[in-house]
């Protein structure tokens, strides 16, 4: 009798994360150029497409040619400022213990 009860509890425990996974907000992710390297994409922009990154924290960019190819600009404006925010959208971690802060 004890084995079926444990099996039922174990199966519920294993199914619980997948049952609530659809309720979690999606993370910020999109495929980016430079072999899917967001660091290079956010710091360089796309010079070969005619635009460069100005400030990745705000998603600002500037054209370097008269007719830039803007296909990656919406991805840049979406991905790069999100990298500056902490995961979960909260405020940055600030330790309250003075011993953890450097002088």
PDB file of N, CA and C in Angstrom:
ATOM      1  N   UNK A   1       0.793  -1.184   0.000  1.00  0.00           N
ATOM      2  CA  UNK A   1       0.000   0.000   0.000  1.00  0.00           C
ATOM      3  C   UNK A   1       0.849   1.267   0.000  1.00  0.00           C
ATOM      4  N   UNK A   2       1.977   1.246   0.676  1.00  0.00           N
ATOM      5  CA  UNK A   2       2.804   2.443   0.770  1.00  0.00           C
ATOM      6  C   UNK A   2       3.435   2.788  -0.573  1.00  0.00           C
ATOM      7  N   UNK A   3       3.748   1.796  -1.400  1.00  0.00           N
ATOM      8  CA  UNK A   3       4.393   2.056  -2.682  1.00  0.00           C
ATOM      9  C   UNK A   3       3.499   2.842  -3.636  1.00  0.00           C
ATOM     10  N   UNK A   4       2.213   2.499  -3.813  1.00  0.00           N
ATOM     11  CA  UNK A   4       1.382   3.315  -4.709  1.00  0.00           C
ATOM     12  C   UNK A   4       1.224   4.759  -4.225  1.00  0.00           C
ATOM     13  N   UNK A   5       1.151   4.962  -2.910  1.00  0.00           N
ATOM     14  CA  UNK A   5       1.019   6.328  -2.401  1.00  0.00           C
ATOM     15  C   UNK A   5       2.270   7.145  -2.732  1.00  0.00           C
ATOM     16  N   UNK A   6       3.445   6.529  -2.538  1.00  0.00           N
ATOM     17  CA  UNK A   6       4.698   7.213  -2.850  1.00  0.00           C
ATOM     18  C   UNK A   6       4.829   7.451  -4.347  1.00  0.00           C
ATOM     19  N   UNK A   7       4.377   6.505  -5.141  1.00  0.00           N
ATOM     20  CA  UNK A   7       4.431   6.680  -6.593  1.00  0.00           C
ATOM     21  C   UNK A   7       3.524   7.818  -7.031  1.00  0.00           C
ATOM     22  N   UNK A   8       2.366   7.937  -6.429  1.00  0.00           N
ATOM     23  CA  UNK A   8       1.452   9.028  -6.774  1.00  0.00           C
ATOM     24  C   UNK A   8       2.031  10.378  -6.366  1.00  0.00           C
ATOM     25  N   UNK A   9       2.615  10.455  -5.198  1.00  0.00           N
ATOM     26  CA  UNK A   9       3.218  11.705  -4.734  1.00  0.00           C
ATOM     27  C   UNK A   9       4.403  12.084  -5.614  1.00  0.00           C
ATOM     28  N   UNK A  10       5.214  11.094  -5.984  1.00  0.00           N
ATOM     29  CA  UNK A  10       6.364  11.350  -6.843  1.00  0.00           C
ATOM     30  C   UNK A  10       5.925  11.824  -8.221  1.00  0.00           C
ATOM     31  N   UNK A  11       4.890  11.197  -8.771  1.00  0.00           N
ATOM     32  CA  UNK A  11       4.435  11.607 -10.098  1.00  0.00           C
ATOM     33  C   UNK A  11       3.846  13.011 -10.065  1.00  0.00           C
ATOM     34  N   UNK A  12       3.153  13.372  -8.992  1.00  0.00           N
ATOM     35  CA  UNK A  12       2.635  14.737  -8.870  1.00  0.00           C
ATOM     36  C   UNK A  12       3.763  15.757  -8.720  1.00  0.00           C
ATOM     37  N   UNK A  13       4.783  15.388  -7.989  1.00  0.00           N
ATOM     38  CA  UNK A  13       5.921  16.284  -7.804  1.00  0.00           C
ATOM     39  C   UNK A  13       6.659  16.517  -9.116  1.00  0.00           C
ATOM     40  N   UNK A  14       6.749  15.487  -9.938  1.00  0.00           N
ATOM     41  CA  UNK A  14       7.430  15.630 -11.222  1.00  0.00           C
ATOM     42  C   UNK A  14       6.589  16.391 -12.240  1.00  0.00           C
ATOM     43  N   UNK A  15       5.282  16.303 -12.141  1.00  0.00           N
ATOM     44  CA  UNK A  15       4.415  16.982 -13.090  1.00  0.00           C
ATOM     45  C   UNK A  15       4.147  18.438 -12.717  1.00  0.00           C
ATOM     46  N   UNK A  16       4.330  18.802 -11.476  1.00  0.00           N
ATOM     47  CA  UNK A  16       3.993  20.151 -11.023  1.00  0.00           C
ATOM     48  C   UNK A  16       4.754  21.248 -11.773  1.00  0.00           C
ATOM     49  N   UNK A  17       6.079  21.146 -11.967  1.00  0.00           N
ATOM     50  CA  UNK A  17       6.757  22.229 -12.684  1.00  0.00           C
ATOM     51  C   UNK A  17       6.248  22.397 -14.116  1.00  0.00           C
ATOM     52  N   UNK A  18       5.967  21.310 -14.807  1.00  0.00           N
ATOM     53  CA  UNK A  18       5.486  21.448 -16.178  1.00  0.00           C
ATOM     54  C   UNK A  18       4.065  21.975 -16.220  1.00  0.00           C
ATOM     55  N   UNK A  19       3.301  21.742 -15.169  1.00  0.00           N
ATOM     56  CA  UNK A  19       1.919  22.222 -15.134  1.00  0.00           C
ATOM     57  C   UNK A  19       1.855  23.730 -14.945  1.00  0.00           C
ATOM     58  N   UNK A  20       2.847  24.325 -14.272  1.00  0.00           N
ATOM     59  CA  UNK A  20       2.824  25.766 -14.062  1.00  0.00           C
ATOM     60  C   UNK A  20       3.769  26.511 -14.992  1.00  0.00           C
ATOM     61  N   UNK A  21       4.482  25.809 -15.838  1.00  0.00           N
ATOM     62  CA  UNK A  21       5.453  26.468 -16.718  1.00  0.00           C
ATOM     63  C   UNK A  21       4.789  27.463 -17.652  1.00  0.00           C
ATOM     64  N   UNK A  22       3.575  27.193 -18.094  1.00  0.00           N
ATOM     65  CA  UNK A  22       2.911  28.120 -19.003  1.00  0.00           C
ATOM     66  C   UNK A  22       2.446  29.392 -18.305  1.00  0.00           C
ATOM     67  N   UNK A  23       2.451  29.444 -16.990  1.00  0.00           N
ATOM     68  CA  UNK A  23       2.041  30.629 -16.262  1.00  0.00           C
ATOM     69  C   UNK A  23       3.179  31.620 -16.058  1.00  0.00           C
ATOM     70  N   UNK A  24       4.419  31.191 -16.245  1.00  0.00           N
ATOM     71  CA  UNK A  24       5.570  32.052 -16.033  1.00  0.00           C
ATOM     72  C   UNK A  24       5.736  32.996 -17.212  1.00  0.00           C
ATOM     73  N   UNK A  25       6.143  34.244 -16.963  1.00  0.00           N
ATOM     74  CA  UNK A  25       6.347  35.171 -18.076  1.00  0.00           C
ATOM     75  C   UNK A  25       7.556  34.745 -18.905  1.00  0.00           C
ATOM     76  N   UNK A  26       7.501  34.947 -20.200  1.00  0.00           N
ATOM     77  CA  UNK A  26       8.627  34.549 -21.043  1.00  0.00           C
ATOM     78  C   UNK A  26       9.824  35.459 -20.813  1.00  0.00           C
ATOM     79  N   UNK A  27      11.011  34.926 -20.998  1.00  0.00           N
ATOM     80  CA  UNK A  27      12.220  35.715 -20.891  1.00  0.00           C
ATOM     81  C   UNK A  27      12.443  36.510 -22.161  1.00  0.00           C
ATOM     82  N   UNK A  28      13.357  37.432 -22.098  1.00  0.00           N
ATOM     83  CA  UNK A  28      13.694  38.233 -23.267  1.00  0.00           C
ATOM     84  C   UNK A  28      14.764  37.487 -24.039  1.00  0.00           C
ATOM     85  N   UNK A  29      14.386  36.965 -25.187  1.00  0.00           N
ATOM     86  CA  UNK A  29      15.341  36.235 -26.014  1.00  0.00           C
ATOM     87  C   UNK A  29      14.951  36.377 -27.465  1.00  0.00           C
ATOM     88  N   UNK A  30      15.915  36.563 -28.285  1.00  0.00           N
ATOM     89  CA  UNK A  30      15.730  36.551 -29.731  1.00  0.00           C
ATOM     90  C   UNK A  30      17.079  36.196 -30.340  1.00  0.00           C
ATOM     91  N   UNK A  31      17.052  35.556 -31.467  1.00  0.00           N
ATOM     92  CA  UNK A  31      18.284  35.227 -32.167  1.00  0.00           C
ATOM     93  C   UNK A  31      18.903  36.517 -32.691  1.00  0.00           C
ATOM     94  N   UNK A  32      20.188  36.670 -32.496  1.00  0.00           N
ATOM     95  CA  UNK A  32      20.890  37.876 -32.928  1.00  0.00           C
ATOM     96  C   UNK A  32      22.047  37.487 -33.843  1.00  0.00           C
ATOM     97  N   UNK A  33      22.565  38.429 -34.621  1.00  0.00           N
ATOM     98  CA  UNK A  33      23.721  38.146 -35.483  1.00  0.00           C
ATOM     99  C   UNK A  33      24.988  37.870 -34.674  1.00  0.00           C
ATOM    100  N   UNK A  34      26.098  37.794 -35.357  1.00  0.00           N
ATOM    101  CA  UNK A  34      27.395  37.501 -34.758  1.00  0.00           C
ATOM    102  C   UNK A  34      27.390  36.140 -34.089  1.00  0.00           C
ATOM    103  N   UNK A  35      26.869  35.165 -34.783  1.00  0.00           N
ATOM    104  CA  UNK A  35      26.844  33.792 -34.283  1.00  0.00           C
ATOM    105  C   UNK A  35      26.068  33.704 -32.965  1.00  0.00           C
ATOM    106  N   UNK A  36      24.972  34.470 -32.899  1.00  0.00           N
ATOM    107  CA  UNK A  36      24.070  34.523 -31.741  1.00  0.00           C
ATOM    108  C   UNK A  36      24.790  35.012 -30.484  1.00  0.00           C
ATOM    109  N   UNK A  37      25.638  36.034 -30.648  1.00  0.00           N
ATOM    110  CA  UNK A  37      26.386  36.613 -29.540  1.00  0.00           C
ATOM    111  C   UNK A  37      25.803  37.998 -29.220  1.00  0.00           C
ATOM    112  N   UNK A  38      24.956  38.118 -28.181  1.00  0.00           N
ATOM    113  CA  UNK A  38      24.341  39.415 -27.890  1.00  0.00           C
ATOM    114  C   UNK A  38      25.330  40.480 -27.445  1.00  0.00           C
ATOM    115  N   UNK A  39      26.460  40.092 -26.846  1.00  0.00           N
ATOM    116  CA  UNK A  39      27.447  41.082 -26.427  1.00  0.00           C
ATOM    117  C   UNK A  39      27.988  41.840 -27.631  1.00  0.00           C
ATOM    118  N   UNK A  40      28.400  41.117 -28.652  1.00  0.00           N
ATOM    119  CA  UNK A  40      28.907  41.780 -29.849  1.00  0.00           C
ATOM    120  C   UNK A  40      27.824  42.587 -30.545  1.00  0.00           C
ATOM    121  N   UNK A  41      26.639  42.015 -30.636  1.00  0.00           N
ATOM    122  CA  UNK A  41      25.530  42.696 -31.297  1.00  0.00           C
ATOM    123  C   UNK A  41      25.191  44.009 -30.596  1.00  0.00           C
ATOM    124  N   UNK A  42      25.143  44.003 -29.267  1.00  0.00           N
ATOM    125  CA  UNK A  42      24.763  45.212 -28.530  1.00  0.00           C
ATOM    126  C   UNK A  42      25.873  46.250 -28.488  1.00  0.00           C
ATOM    127  N   UNK A  43      27.117  45.854 -28.559  1.00  0.00           N
ATOM    128  CA  UNK A  43      28.199  46.823 -28.498  1.00  0.00           C
ATOM    129  C   UNK A  43      28.606  47.342 -29.865  1.00  0.00           C
ATOM    130  N   UNK A  44      28.438  46.534 -30.919  1.00  0.00           N
ATOM    131  CA  UNK A  44      28.857  46.956 -32.251  1.00  0.00           C
ATOM    132  C   UNK A  44      27.718  47.466 -33.121  1.00  0.00           C
ATOM    133  N   UNK A  45      26.547  46.890 -32.959  1.00  0.00           N
ATOM    134  CA  UNK A  45      25.479  47.175 -33.911  1.00  0.00           C
ATOM    135  C   UNK A  45      25.696  46.322 -35.160  1.00  0.00           C
ATOM    136  N   UNK A  46      25.322  46.842 -36.312  1.00  0.00           N
ATOM    137  CA  UNK A  46      25.505  46.119 -37.577  1.00  0.00           C
ATOM    138  C   UNK A  46      26.161  47.039 -38.604  1.00  0.00           C
ATOM    139  N   UNK A  47      27.484  47.268 -38.485  1.00  0.00           N
ATOM    140  CA  UNK A  47      28.156  48.158 -39.434  1.00  0.00           C
ATOM    141  C   UNK A  47      28.004  47.695 -40.885  1.00  0.00           C
ATOM    142  N   UNK A  48      27.952  46.381 -41.113  1.00  0.00           N
ATOM    143  CA  UNK A  48      27.793  45.887 -42.469  1.00  0.00           C
ATOM    144  C   UNK A  48      26.408  46.200 -43.034  1.00  0.00           C
ATOM    145  N   UNK A  49      25.444  46.497 -42.160  1.00  0.00           N
ATOM    146  CA  UNK A  49      24.111  46.903 -42.603  1.00  0.00           C
ATOM    147  C   UNK A  49      23.942  48.420 -42.598  1.00  0.00           C
ATOM    148  N   UNK A  50      24.968  49.143 -42.184  1.00  0.00           N
ATOM    149  CA  UNK A  50      24.937  50.593 -42.264  1.00  0.00           C
ATOM    150  C   UNK A  50      24.519  51.322 -41.004  1.00  0.00           C
ATOM    151  N   UNK A  51      24.551  50.664 -39.851  1.00  0.00           N
ATOM    152  CA  UNK A  51      24.254  51.351 -38.595  1.00  0.00           C
ATOM    153  C   UNK A  51      25.114  50.772 -37.481  1.00  0.00           C
ATOM    154  N   UNK A  52      25.381  51.600 -36.464  1.00  0.00           N
ATOM    155  CA  UNK A  52      26.208  51.174 -35.328  1.00  0.00           C
ATOM    156  C   UNK A  52      25.483  51.489 -34.028  1.00  0.00           C
ATOM    157  N   UNK A  53      25.886  50.801 -32.990  1.00  0.00           N
ATOM    158  CA  UNK A  53      25.319  51.020 -31.661  1.00  0.00           C
ATOM    159  C   UNK A  53      25.903  52.294 -31.069  1.00  0.00           C
ATOM    160  N   UNK A  54      25.060  53.099 -30.433  1.00  0.00           N
ATOM    161  CA  UNK A  54      25.515  54.293 -29.728  1.00  0.00           C
ATOM    162  C   UNK A  54      25.531  54.004 -28.230  1.00  0.00           C
ATOM    163  N   UNK A  55      24.393  53.601 -27.693  1.00  0.00           N
ATOM    164  CA  UNK A  55      24.298  53.246 -26.278  1.00  0.00           C
ATOM    165  C   UNK A  55      23.353  52.055 -26.155  1.00  0.00           C
ATOM    166  N   UNK A  56      23.880  50.902 -25.833  1.00  0.00           N
ATOM    167  CA  UNK A  56      23.052  49.695 -25.774  1.00  0.00           C
ATOM    168  C   UNK A  56      22.084  49.721 -24.606  1.00  0.00           C
ATOM    169  N   UNK A  57      22.399  50.498 -23.547  1.00  0.00           N
ATOM    170  CA  UNK A  57      21.512  50.544 -22.380  1.00  0.00           C
ATOM    171  C   UNK A  57      20.161  51.165 -22.708  1.00  0.00           C
ATOM    172  N   UNK A  58      20.160  52.086 -23.664  1.00  0.00           N
ATOM    173  CA  UNK A  58      18.914  52.737 -24.063  1.00  0.00           C
ATOM    174  C   UNK A  58      18.406  52.227 -25.399  1.00  0.00           C
ATOM    175  N   UNK A  59      19.214  51.441 -26.096  1.00  0.00           N
ATOM    176  CA  UNK A  59      18.812  50.941 -27.412  1.00  0.00           C
ATOM    177  C   UNK A  59      19.004  51.960 -28.517  1.00  0.00           C
ATOM    178  N   UNK A  60      19.842  52.974 -28.267  1.00  0.00           N
ATOM    179  CA  UNK A  60      20.050  53.999 -29.286  1.00  0.00           C
ATOM    180  C   UNK A  60      21.119  53.554 -30.281  1.00  0.00           C
ATOM    181  N   UNK A  61      20.931  53.972 -31.510  1.00  0.00           N
ATOM    182  CA  UNK A  61      21.817  53.608 -32.615  1.00  0.00           C
ATOM    183  C   UNK A  61      21.886  54.787 -33.576  1.00  0.00           C
ATOM    184  N   UNK A  62      22.840  54.731 -34.517  1.00  0.00           N
ATOM    185  CA  UNK A  62      22.922  55.781 -35.527  1.00  0.00           C
ATOM    186  C   UNK A  62      23.317  55.173 -36.863  1.00  0.00           C
ATOM    187  N   UNK A  63      22.784  55.727 -37.941  1.00  0.00           N
ATOM    188  CA  UNK A  63      23.164  55.239 -39.267  1.00  0.00           C
ATOM    189  C   UNK A  63      24.559  55.735 -39.637  1.00  0.00           C
ATOM    190  N   UNK A  64      25.284  54.920 -40.379  1.00  0.00           N
ATOM    191  CA  UNK A  64      26.605  55.334 -40.848  1.00  0.00           C
ATOM    192  C   UNK A  64      26.647  55.382 -42.369  1.00  0.00           C
ATOM    193  N   UNK A  65      25.546  55.044 -43.013  1.00  0.00           N
ATOM    194  CA  UNK A  65      25.416  55.176 -44.457  1.00  0.00           C
ATOM    195  C   UNK A  65      24.115  55.919 -44.752  1.00  0.00           C
ATOM    196  N   UNK A  66      23.960  56.333 -45.998  1.00  0.00           N
ATOM    197  CA  UNK A  66      22.756  57.072 -46.368  1.00  0.00           C
ATOM    198  C   UNK A  66      21.514  56.182 -46.345  1.00  0.00           C
ATOM    199  N   UNK A  67      21.662  54.932 -46.713  1.00  0.00           N
ATOM    200  CA  UNK A  67      20.536  53.999 -46.763  1.00  0.00           C
ATOM    201  C   UNK A  67      20.850  52.749 -45.929  1.00  0.00           C
ATOM    202  N   UNK A  68      20.702  52.831 -44.614  1.00  0.00           N
ATOM    203  CA  UNK A  68      21.009  51.653 -43.788  1.00  0.00           C
ATOM    204  C   UNK A  68      19.933  50.584 -43.929  1.00  0.00           C
ATOM    205  N   UNK A  69      20.353  49.340 -43.755  1.00  0.00           N
ATOM    206  CA  UNK A  69      19.427  48.217 -43.722  1.00  0.00           C
ATOM    207  C   UNK A  69      18.964  48.066 -42.275  1.00  0.00           C
ATOM    208  N   UNK A  70      17.690  48.312 -42.026  1.00  0.00           N
ATOM    209  CA  UNK A  70      17.184  48.382 -40.651  1.00  0.00           C
ATOM    210  C   UNK A  70      16.553  47.088 -40.162  1.00  0.00           C
ATOM    211  N   UNK A  71      16.857  45.974 -40.791  1.00  0.00           N
ATOM    212  CA  UNK A  71      16.187  44.721 -40.400  1.00  0.00           C
ATOM    213  C   UNK A  71      16.496  44.291 -38.973  1.00  0.00           C
ATOM    214  N   UNK A  72      17.665  44.624 -38.410  1.00  0.00           N
ATOM    215  CA  UNK A  72      18.031  44.199 -37.060  1.00  0.00           C
ATOM    216  C   UNK A  72      17.784  45.274 -36.009  1.00  0.00           C
ATOM    217  N   UNK A  73      17.362  46.459 -36.412  1.00  0.00           N
ATOM    218  CA  UNK A  73      17.159  47.545 -35.451  1.00  0.00           C
ATOM    219  C   UNK A  73      16.063  47.230 -34.434  1.00  0.00           C
ATOM    220  N   UNK A  74      14.897  46.699 -34.818  1.00  0.00           N
ATOM    221  CA  UNK A  74      13.901  46.366 -33.781  1.00  0.00           C
ATOM    222  C   UNK A  74      14.408  45.337 -32.769  1.00  0.00           C
ATOM    223  N   UNK A  75      15.190  44.368 -33.230  1.00  0.00           N
ATOM    224  CA  UNK A  75      15.772  43.379 -32.317  1.00  0.00           C
ATOM    225  C   UNK A  75      16.758  44.045 -31.376  1.00  0.00           C
ATOM    226  N   UNK A  76      17.573  44.959 -31.906  1.00  0.00           N
ATOM    227  CA  UNK A  76      18.536  45.697 -31.081  1.00  0.00           C
ATOM    228  C   UNK A  76      17.809  46.516 -30.014  1.00  0.00           C
ATOM    229  N   UNK A  77      16.760  47.218 -30.403  1.00  0.00           N
ATOM    230  CA  UNK A  77      16.018  48.067 -29.465  1.00  0.00           C
ATOM    231  C   UNK A  77      15.280  47.245 -28.415  1.00  0.00           C
ATOM    232  N   UNK A  78      14.988  45.989 -28.700  1.00  0.00           N
ATOM    233  CA  UNK A  78      14.277  45.120 -27.765  1.00  0.00           C
ATOM    234  C   UNK A  78      15.228  44.370 -26.834  1.00  0.00           C
ATOM    235  N   UNK A  79      16.284  43.806 -27.388  1.00  0.00           N
ATOM    236  CA  UNK A  79      17.185  42.934 -26.635  1.00  0.00           C
ATOM    237  C   UNK A  79      18.165  43.709 -25.762  1.00  0.00           C
ATOM    238  N   UNK A  80      18.816  44.704 -26.298  1.00  0.00           N
ATOM    239  CA  UNK A  80      19.929  45.327 -25.589  1.00  0.00           C
ATOM    240  C   UNK A  80      19.508  46.100 -24.335  1.00  0.00           C
ATOM    241  N   UNK A  81      18.463  46.923 -24.348  1.00  0.00           N
ATOM    242  CA  UNK A  81      18.062  47.560 -23.086  1.00  0.00           C
ATOM    243  C   UNK A  81      17.584  46.543 -22.040  1.00  0.00           C
ATOM    244  N   UNK A  82      17.041  45.410 -22.485  1.00  0.00           N
ATOM    245  CA  UNK A  82      16.597  44.380 -21.543  1.00  0.00           C
ATOM    246  C   UNK A  82      17.772  43.753 -20.811  1.00  0.00           C
ATOM    247  N   UNK A  83      18.957  43.764 -21.418  1.00  0.00           N
ATOM    248  CA  UNK A  83      20.140  43.206 -20.764  1.00  0.00           C
ATOM    249  C   UNK A  83      20.582  44.068 -19.590  1.00  0.00           C
ATOM    250  N   UNK A  84      20.182  45.322 -19.578  1.00  0.00           N
ATOM    251  CA  UNK A  84      20.552  46.229 -18.502  1.00  0.00           C
ATOM    252  C   UNK A  84      19.647  46.072 -17.292  1.00  0.00           C
ATOM    253  N   UNK A  85      18.471  45.459 -17.462  1.00  0.00           N
ATOM    254  CA  UNK A  85      17.540  45.253 -16.352  1.00  0.00           C
ATOM    255  C   UNK A  85      17.858  43.932 -15.654  1.00  0.00           C
ATOM    256  N   UNK A  86      17.674  43.862 -14.358  1.00  0.00           N
ATOM    257  CA  UNK A  86      17.895  42.595 -13.661  1.00  0.00           C
ATOM    258  C   UNK A  86      16.827  41.578 -14.036  1.00  0.00           C
ATOM    259  N   UNK A  87      17.155  40.321 -13.914  1.00  0.00           N
ATOM    260  CA  UNK A  87      16.203  39.259 -14.222  1.00  0.00           C
ATOM    261  C   UNK A  87      14.994  39.397 -13.317  1.00  0.00           C
ATOM    262  N   UNK A  88      13.836  39.224 -13.858  1.00  0.00           N
ATOM    263  CA  UNK A  88      12.615  39.363 -13.089  1.00  0.00           C
ATOM    264  C   UNK A  88      12.078  40.777 -13.071  1.00  0.00           C
ATOM    265  N   UNK A  89      12.833  41.735 -13.615  1.00  0.00           N
ATOM    266  CA  UNK A  89      12.365  43.103 -13.721  1.00  0.00           C
ATOM    267  C   UNK A  89      12.411  43.902 -12.432  1.00  0.00           C
ATOM    268  N   UNK A  90      13.008  43.360 -11.387  1.00  0.00           N
ATOM    269  CA  UNK A  90      13.066  44.073 -10.111  1.00  0.00           C
ATOM    270  C   UNK A  90      14.210  45.059 -10.071  1.00  0.00           C
ATOM    271  N   UNK A  91      14.480  45.570  -8.891  1.00  0.00           N
ATOM    272  CA  UNK A  91      15.593  46.494  -8.723  1.00  0.00           C
ATOM    273  C   UNK A  91      16.886  45.702  -8.548  1.00  0.00           C
ATOM    274  N   UNK A  92      18.015  46.307  -8.866  1.00  0.00           N
ATOM    275  CA  UNK A  92      19.288  45.600  -8.679  1.00  0.00           C
ATOM    276  C   UNK A  92      19.506  45.223  -7.220  1.00  0.00           C
ATOM    277  N   UNK A  93      20.242  44.149  -6.992  1.00  0.00           N
ATOM    278  CA  UNK A  93      20.530  43.662  -5.649  1.00  0.00           C
ATOM    279  C   UNK A  93      21.450  44.631  -4.929  1.00  0.00           C
ATOM    280  N   UNK A  94      21.051  45.027  -3.770  1.00  0.00           N
ATOM    281  CA  UNK A  94      21.866  45.903  -2.946  1.00  0.00           C
ATOM    282  C   UNK A  94      21.974  45.265  -1.554  1.00  0.00           C
ATOM    283  N   UNK A  95      23.165  44.742  -1.222  1.00  0.00           N
ATOM    284  CA  UNK A  95      23.294  44.081   0.075  1.00  0.00           C
ATOM    285  C   UNK A  95      23.116  45.077   1.218  1.00  0.00           C
ATOM    286  N   UNK A  96      22.435  44.637   2.263  1.00  0.00           N
ATOM    287  CA  UNK A  96      22.178  45.518   3.402  1.00  0.00           C
ATOM    288  C   UNK A  96      23.247  45.381   4.478  1.00  0.00           C
ATOM    289  N   UNK A  97      24.033  44.328   4.419  1.00  0.00           N
ATOM    290  CA  UNK A  97      25.080  44.113   5.410  1.00  0.00           C
ATOM    291  C   UNK A  97      26.299  44.935   5.018  1.00  0.00           C
ATOM    292  N   UNK A  98      26.756  45.817   5.891  1.00  0.00           N
ATOM    293  CA  UNK A  98      27.895  46.682   5.574  1.00  0.00           C
ATOM    294  C   UNK A  98      29.187  45.878   5.397  1.00  0.00           C
ATOM    295  N   UNK A  99      29.249  44.679   5.937  1.00  0.00           N
ATOM    296  CA  UNK A  99      30.455  43.853   5.797  1.00  0.00           C
ATOM    297  C   UNK A  99      30.605  43.339   4.379  1.00  0.00           C
ATOM    298  N   UNK A 100      29.507  43.303   3.615  1.00  0.00           N
ATOM    299  CA  UNK A 100      29.606  42.802   2.251  1.00  0.00           C
ATOM    300  C   UNK A 100      30.002  43.883   1.272  1.00  0.00           C
ATOM    301  N   UNK A 101      29.987  45.135   1.698  1.00  0.00           N
ATOM    302  CA  UNK A 101      30.332  46.230   0.801  1.00  0.00           C
ATOM    303  C   UNK A 101      31.796  46.585   0.972  1.00  0.00           C
ATOM    304  N   UNK A 102      32.447  46.886  -0.143  1.00  0.00           N
ATOM    305  CA  UNK A 102      33.859  47.254  -0.072  1.00  0.00           C
ATOM    306  C   UNK A 102      33.995  48.720   0.314  1.00  0.00           C
ATOM    307  N   UNK A 103      35.072  49.035   0.962  1.00  0.00           N
ATOM    308  CA  UNK A 103      35.279  50.418   1.415  1.00  0.00           C
ATOM    309  C   UNK A 103      36.033  51.212   0.400  1.00  0.00           C
TER     310      UNK A 103
END
